[in-house]
Amino acid sequence: MFKIIWNKSDYEMLSKRMSESKTFTLVEDPNLIKEGKIGIVCDQEDIDQILPILEQIEFDKALMVFPTASGWIQIHLNRVLFIESFGEEIDIHLIGQRIEKIRQPLYQLEEVLASYRFARIGKSYIVNLRKIKYISLGLNAKLNLELTDGTNLKVSRNYVKSFKKNLGIKKEVKR
């Protein structure tokens, strides 16, 4: 058996996601957990099913601070669709067609955001993998991406292999 303790403030979101699965049980018995917390009980072999739920909740709450020309800005990562570079100027494209201009090298952003499921798709682009709606094959070994807001981006040839690796897509072996 495996137990996870989570903040009570996350109960509604967690409860909704957990109710979709019959494998887990939410525990609120005060004798079993500390005040202000909730517990999740599952069998050890089911841990692979619960990890994506917990990662999504962590991502939904993730907030990052970015330098701007005049100071700093806090951005919730779950609102970021993609990041685009114009030399030293970086545009963060957010849900709702809002754009925030920051000043931080794209290679640094790529490194920092990789653990939040962001991936480089070109010399000037990083995409939020959780915001991809559809992927199709393009010309010249490129991939076309459609994001949840309808934006279309291309994965350049030089980044297709690492992009597929980040998504967990493996090339089929023909026999």
C-alpha atoms as a PDB file:
ATOM      1  CA  MET A   1       0.000   0.000   0.000  1.00  0.00           C
ATOM      2  CA  PHE A   2       1.148   3.515  -0.792  1.00  0.00           C
ATOM      3  CA  LYS A   3      -0.035   6.720   0.950  1.00  0.00           C
ATOM      4  CA  ILE A   4       0.202  10.306  -0.232  1.00  0.00           C
ATOM      5  CA  ILE A   5      -0.634  13.345   1.893  1.00  0.00           C
ATOM      6  CA  TRP A   6      -1.839  16.451   0.025  1.00  0.00           C
ATOM      7  CA  ASN A   7      -3.012  19.932   1.054  1.00  0.00           C
ATOM      8  CA  LYS A   8      -6.732  20.227   1.792  1.00  0.00           C
ATOM      9  CA  SER A   9      -6.958  23.271  -0.517  1.00  0.00           C
ATOM     10  CA  ASP A  10      -6.354  20.923  -3.456  1.00  0.00           C
ATOM     11  CA  TYR A  11      -9.164  18.584  -2.401  1.00  0.00           C
ATOM     12  CA  GLU A  12     -11.762  19.623  -5.015  1.00  0.00           C
ATOM     13  CA  MET A  13      -9.389  19.353  -7.963  1.00  0.00           C
ATOM     14  CA  LEU A  14      -7.948  16.117  -6.650  1.00  0.00           C
ATOM     15  CA  SER A  15     -11.378  14.693  -5.864  1.00  0.00           C
ATOM     16  CA  LYS A  16     -12.597  15.369  -9.403  1.00  0.00           C
ATOM     17  CA  ARG A  17      -9.589  13.681 -10.977  1.00  0.00           C
ATOM     18  CA  MET A  18      -9.640  10.776  -8.540  1.00  0.00           C
ATOM     19  CA  SER A  19     -13.361  10.092  -9.025  1.00  0.00           C
ATOM     20  CA  GLU A  20     -12.610   9.193 -12.643  1.00  0.00           C
ATOM     21  CA  SER A  21     -10.685   6.163 -11.378  1.00  0.00           C
ATOM     22  CA  LYS A  22     -11.969   3.369  -9.157  1.00  0.00           C
ATOM     23  CA  THR A  23      -8.428   2.355  -8.188  1.00  0.00           C
ATOM     24  CA  PHE A  24      -7.885   5.029  -5.522  1.00  0.00           C
ATOM     25  CA  THR A  25      -9.524   6.059  -2.267  1.00  0.00           C
ATOM     26  CA  LEU A  26      -9.549   9.546  -0.764  1.00  0.00           C
ATOM     27  CA  VAL A  27      -9.175   9.515   3.008  1.00  0.00           C
ATOM     28  CA  GLU A  28     -10.434  12.306   5.269  1.00  0.00           C
ATOM     29  CA  ASP A  29     -10.478  10.454   8.596  1.00  0.00           C
ATOM     30  CA  PRO A  30      -8.781  12.812  11.091  1.00  0.00           C
ATOM     31  CA  ASN A  31      -7.305   9.811  12.904  1.00  0.00           C
ATOM     32  CA  LEU A  32      -5.354   8.878   9.796  1.00  0.00           C
ATOM     33  CA  ILE A  33      -3.996  12.255   8.660  1.00  0.00           C
ATOM     34  CA  LYS A  34      -3.013  15.649  10.018  1.00  0.00           C
ATOM     35  CA  GLU A  35      -5.495  18.530  10.147  1.00  0.00           C
ATOM     36  CA  GLY A  36      -5.738  20.509   6.918  1.00  0.00           C
ATOM     37  CA  LYS A  37      -4.485  17.614   4.799  1.00  0.00           C
ATOM     38  CA  ILE A  38      -6.082  14.871   2.748  1.00  0.00           C
ATOM     39  CA  GLY A  39      -4.737  11.414   2.100  1.00  0.00           C
ATOM     40  CA  ILE A  40      -4.768   9.102  -0.883  1.00  0.00           C
ATOM     41  CA  VAL A  41      -4.431   5.376  -0.437  1.00  0.00           C
ATOM     42  CA  CYS A  42      -3.588   3.068  -3.323  1.00  0.00           C
ATOM     43  CA  ASP A  43      -1.838  -0.217  -3.892  1.00  0.00           C
ATOM     44  CA  GLN A  44       1.851  -0.071  -4.835  1.00  0.00           C
ATOM     45  CA  GLU A  45       1.206  -1.507  -8.295  1.00  0.00           C
ATOM     46  CA  ASP A  46      -1.242   1.364  -9.026  1.00  0.00           C
ATOM     47  CA  ILE A  47       1.275   4.163  -8.350  1.00  0.00           C
ATOM     48  CA  ASP A  48       1.943   4.623 -12.103  1.00  0.00           C
ATOM     49  CA  GLN A  49      -1.718   5.556 -12.545  1.00  0.00           C
ATOM     50  CA  ILE A  50      -1.719   8.220  -9.832  1.00  0.00           C
ATOM     51  CA  LEU A  51       1.557   9.956 -10.707  1.00  0.00           C
ATOM     52  CA  PRO A  52       0.152  11.747 -13.800  1.00  0.00           C
ATOM     53  CA  ILE A  53      -2.717  13.101 -11.672  1.00  0.00           C
ATOM     54  CA  LEU A  54      -0.318  14.465  -9.070  1.00  0.00           C
ATOM     55  CA  GLU A  55       1.996  15.899 -11.746  1.00  0.00           C
ATOM     56  CA  GLN A  56      -0.952  17.682 -13.372  1.00  0.00           C
ATOM     57  CA  ILE A  57      -2.026  19.195 -10.047  1.00  0.00           C
ATOM     58  CA  GLU A  58       1.538  20.359  -9.406  1.00  0.00           C
ATOM     59  CA  PHE A  59       1.678  21.867 -12.900  1.00  0.00           C
ATOM     60  CA  ASP A  60      -1.687  23.619 -12.442  1.00  0.00           C
ATOM     61  CA  LYS A  61      -0.245  25.445  -9.441  1.00  0.00           C
ATOM     62  CA  ALA A  62       3.245  26.123 -10.851  1.00  0.00           C
ATOM     63  CA  LEU A  63       4.145  29.802 -10.877  1.00  0.00           C
ATOM     64  CA  MET A  64       7.397  31.125 -12.269  1.00  0.00           C
ATOM     65  CA  VAL A  65       9.009  34.573 -12.098  1.00  0.00           C
ATOM     66  CA  PHE A  66      10.558  35.983 -15.287  1.00  0.00           C
ATOM     67  CA  PRO A  67      12.707  39.114 -15.788  1.00  0.00           C
ATOM     68  CA  THR A  68      11.240  41.891 -17.963  1.00  0.00           C
ATOM     69  CA  ALA A  69      12.681  45.170 -19.262  1.00  0.00           C
ATOM     70  CA  SER A  70      11.292  47.022 -16.248  1.00  0.00           C
ATOM     71  CA  GLY A  71      11.238  44.397 -13.476  1.00  0.00           C
ATOM     72  CA  TRP A  72       9.792  40.933 -12.950  1.00  0.00           C
ATOM     73  CA  ILE A  73       6.525  39.178 -13.796  1.00  0.00           C
ATOM     74  CA  GLN A  74       4.909  36.073 -12.280  1.00  0.00           C
ATOM     75  CA  ILE A  75       3.254  33.713 -14.749  1.00  0.00           C
ATOM     76  CA  HIS A  76       1.273  30.526 -14.081  1.00  0.00           C
ATOM     77  CA  LEU A  77       2.841  27.910 -16.348  1.00  0.00           C
ATOM     78  CA  ASN A  78      -0.514  26.270 -17.102  1.00  0.00           C
ATOM     79  CA  ARG A  79      -1.489  29.485 -18.970  1.00  0.00           C
ATOM     80  CA  VAL A  80       1.554  29.347 -21.298  1.00  0.00           C
ATOM     81  CA  LEU A  81       0.918  28.036 -24.815  1.00  0.00           C
ATOM     82  CA  PHE A  82       4.340  28.632 -26.338  1.00  0.00           C
ATOM     83  CA  ILE A  83       7.399  30.856 -26.152  1.00  0.00           C
ATOM     84  CA  GLU A  84       8.822  32.668 -29.159  1.00  0.00           C
ATOM     85  CA  SER A  85      12.204  34.360 -29.521  1.00  0.00           C
ATOM     86  CA  PHE A  86      13.067  37.441 -31.564  1.00  0.00           C
ATOM     87  CA  GLY A  87      16.785  37.806 -30.873  1.00  0.00           C
ATOM     88  CA  GLU A  88      17.028  38.978 -27.270  1.00  0.00           C
ATOM     89  CA  GLU A  89      13.283  39.676 -27.000  1.00  0.00           C
ATOM     90  CA  ILE A  90      11.212  36.750 -25.809  1.00  0.00           C
ATOM     91  CA  ASP A  91       7.401  36.616 -26.108  1.00  0.00           C
ATOM     92  CA  ILE A  92       5.452  34.282 -23.856  1.00  0.00           C
ATOM     93  CA  HIS A  93       2.122  33.513 -25.553  1.00  0.00           C
ATOM     94  CA  LEU A  94      -0.594  32.916 -22.972  1.00  0.00           C
ATOM     95  CA  ILE A  95      -4.151  31.584 -23.120  1.00  0.00           C
ATOM     96  CA  GLY A  96      -6.500  34.369 -24.178  1.00  0.00           C
ATOM     97  CA  GLN A  97      -4.101  35.754 -26.816  1.00  0.00           C
ATOM     98  CA  ARG A  98      -2.126  37.698 -24.198  1.00  0.00           C
ATOM     99  CA  ILE A  99       1.614  38.101 -24.733  1.00  0.00           C
ATOM    100  CA  GLU A 100       4.186  38.912 -22.052  1.00  0.00           C
ATOM    101  CA  LYS A 101       7.614  40.166 -23.085  1.00  0.00           C
ATOM    102  CA  ILE A 102      10.503  38.876 -20.979  1.00  0.00           C
ATOM    103  CA  ARG A 103      14.286  39.013 -21.070  1.00  0.00           C
ATOM    104  CA  GLN A 104      15.859  35.623 -20.579  1.00  0.00           C
ATOM    105  CA  PRO A 105      17.810  33.518 -23.079  1.00  0.00           C
ATOM    106  CA  LEU A 106      15.749  30.812 -24.765  1.00  0.00           C
ATOM    107  CA  TYR A 107      18.307  28.119 -23.924  1.00  0.00           C
ATOM    108  CA  GLN A 108      17.883  28.931 -20.206  1.00  0.00           C
ATOM    109  CA  LEU A 109      14.093  28.791 -20.501  1.00  0.00           C
ATOM    110  CA  GLU A 110      14.359  25.448 -22.293  1.00  0.00           C
ATOM    111  CA  GLU A 111      16.422  24.041 -19.444  1.00  0.00           C
ATOM    112  CA  VAL A 112      14.220  25.407 -16.645  1.00  0.00           C
ATOM    113  CA  LEU A 113      10.897  24.483 -18.253  1.00  0.00           C
ATOM    114  CA  ALA A 114      11.828  20.958 -19.399  1.00  0.00           C
ATOM    115  CA  SER A 115      10.637  19.413 -16.123  1.00  0.00           C
ATOM    116  CA  TYR A 116       7.236  21.082 -16.646  1.00  0.00           C
ATOM    117  CA  ARG A 117       6.757  19.351 -20.039  1.00  0.00           C
ATOM    118  CA  PHE A 118       7.905  22.144 -22.308  1.00  0.00           C
ATOM    119  CA  ALA A 119      10.034  21.282 -25.344  1.00  0.00           C
ATOM    120  CA  ARG A 120      12.081  23.108 -27.935  1.00  0.00           C
ATOM    121  CA  ILE A 121      10.577  22.764 -31.431  1.00  0.00           C
ATOM    122  CA  GLY A 122      12.773  25.165 -33.372  1.00  0.00           C
ATOM    123  CA  LYS A 123      15.559  27.679 -33.114  1.00  0.00           C
ATOM    124  CA  SER A 124      13.098  30.282 -31.837  1.00  0.00           C
ATOM    125  CA  TYR A 125      10.280  28.242 -30.233  1.00  0.00           C
ATOM    126  CA  ILE A 126       9.466  26.317 -27.077  1.00  0.00           C
ATOM    127  CA  VAL A 127       6.014  24.728 -26.781  1.00  0.00           C
ATOM    128  CA  ASN A 128       3.972  23.600 -23.783  1.00  0.00           C
ATOM    129  CA  LEU A 129       3.437  19.899 -24.553  1.00  0.00           C
ATOM    130  CA  ARG A 130       0.232  19.906 -22.489  1.00  0.00           C
ATOM    131  CA  LYS A 131      -1.327  22.457 -24.842  1.00  0.00           C
ATOM    132  CA  ILE A 132      -0.900  20.423 -28.048  1.00  0.00           C
ATOM    133  CA  LYS A 133      -4.228  19.333 -29.475  1.00  0.00           C
ATOM    134  CA  TYR A 134      -3.122  17.650 -32.690  1.00  0.00           C
ATOM    135  CA  ILE A 135       0.127  16.619 -34.422  1.00  0.00           C
ATOM    136  CA  SER A 136       0.353  15.934 -38.141  1.00  0.00           C
ATOM    137  CA  LEU A 137       3.145  15.136 -40.580  1.00  0.00           C
ATOM    138  CA  GLY A 138       4.419  18.072 -42.593  1.00  0.00           C
ATOM    139  CA  LEU A 139       6.668  18.505 -45.598  1.00  0.00           C
ATOM    140  CA  ASN A 140      10.418  17.854 -45.440  1.00  0.00           C
ATOM    141  CA  ALA A 141      10.257  15.683 -42.290  1.00  0.00           C
ATOM    142  CA  LYS A 142       8.672  18.449 -40.215  1.00  0.00           C
ATOM    143  CA  LEU A 143       5.720  18.090 -37.853  1.00  0.00           C
ATOM    144  CA  ASN A 144       2.733  20.429 -37.684  1.00  0.00           C
ATOM    145  CA  LEU A 145       1.247  21.202 -34.276  1.00  0.00           C
ATOM    146  CA  GLU A 146      -2.195  22.555 -33.514  1.00  0.00           C
ATOM    147  CA  LEU A 147      -2.483  23.985 -30.004  1.00  0.00           C
ATOM    148  CA  THR A 148      -5.632  24.039 -27.886  1.00  0.00           C
ATOM    149  CA  ASP A 149      -6.326  27.675 -28.862  1.00  0.00           C
ATOM    150  CA  GLY A 150      -6.022  26.922 -32.617  1.00  0.00           C
ATOM    151  CA  THR A 151      -2.465  28.252 -33.042  1.00  0.00           C
ATOM    152  CA  ASN A 152      -0.407  26.299 -35.583  1.00  0.00           C
ATOM    153  CA  LEU A 153       3.337  25.760 -35.102  1.00  0.00           C
ATOM    154  CA  LYS A 154       5.927  23.680 -36.939  1.00  0.00           C
ATOM    155  CA  VAL A 155       8.539  21.406 -35.408  1.00  0.00           C
ATOM    156  CA  SER A 156      11.660  21.939 -37.494  1.00  0.00           C
ATOM    157  CA  ARG A 157      13.595  18.942 -38.809  1.00  0.00           C
ATOM    158  CA  ASN A 158      16.476  19.475 -36.376  1.00  0.00           C
ATOM    159  CA  TYR A 159      14.110  19.192 -33.391  1.00  0.00           C
ATOM    160  CA  VAL A 160      11.744  16.390 -34.503  1.00  0.00           C
ATOM    161  CA  LYS A 161      13.742  13.592 -32.858  1.00  0.00           C
ATOM    162  CA  SER A 162      14.047  15.308 -29.455  1.00  0.00           C
ATOM    163  CA  PHE A 163      10.413  16.473 -29.665  1.00  0.00           C
ATOM    164  CA  LYS A 164       9.210  12.897 -30.213  1.00  0.00           C
ATOM    165  CA  LYS A 165      11.393  11.730 -27.342  1.00  0.00           C
ATOM    166  CA  ASN A 166       9.847  14.376 -25.043  1.00  0.00           C
ATOM    167  CA  LEU A 167       6.374  13.181 -26.041  1.00  0.00           C
ATOM    168  CA  GLY A 168       7.280   9.520 -25.649  1.00  0.00           C
ATOM    169  CA  ILE A 169       6.649   8.767 -29.328  1.00  0.00           C
ATOM    170  CA  LYS A 170       8.792   5.928 -30.607  1.00  0.00           C
ATOM    171  CA  LYS A 171       9.483   5.160 -34.225  1.00  0.00           C
ATOM    172  CA  GLU A 172       7.812   1.941 -35.325  1.00  0.00           C
ATOM    173  CA  VAL A 173      10.161  -0.772 -36.523  1.00  0.00           C
ATOM    174  CA  LYS A 174       8.963  -2.380 -39.760  1.00  0.00           C
ATOM    175  CA  ARG A 175       9.680  -6.064 -40.207  1.00  0.00           C
END
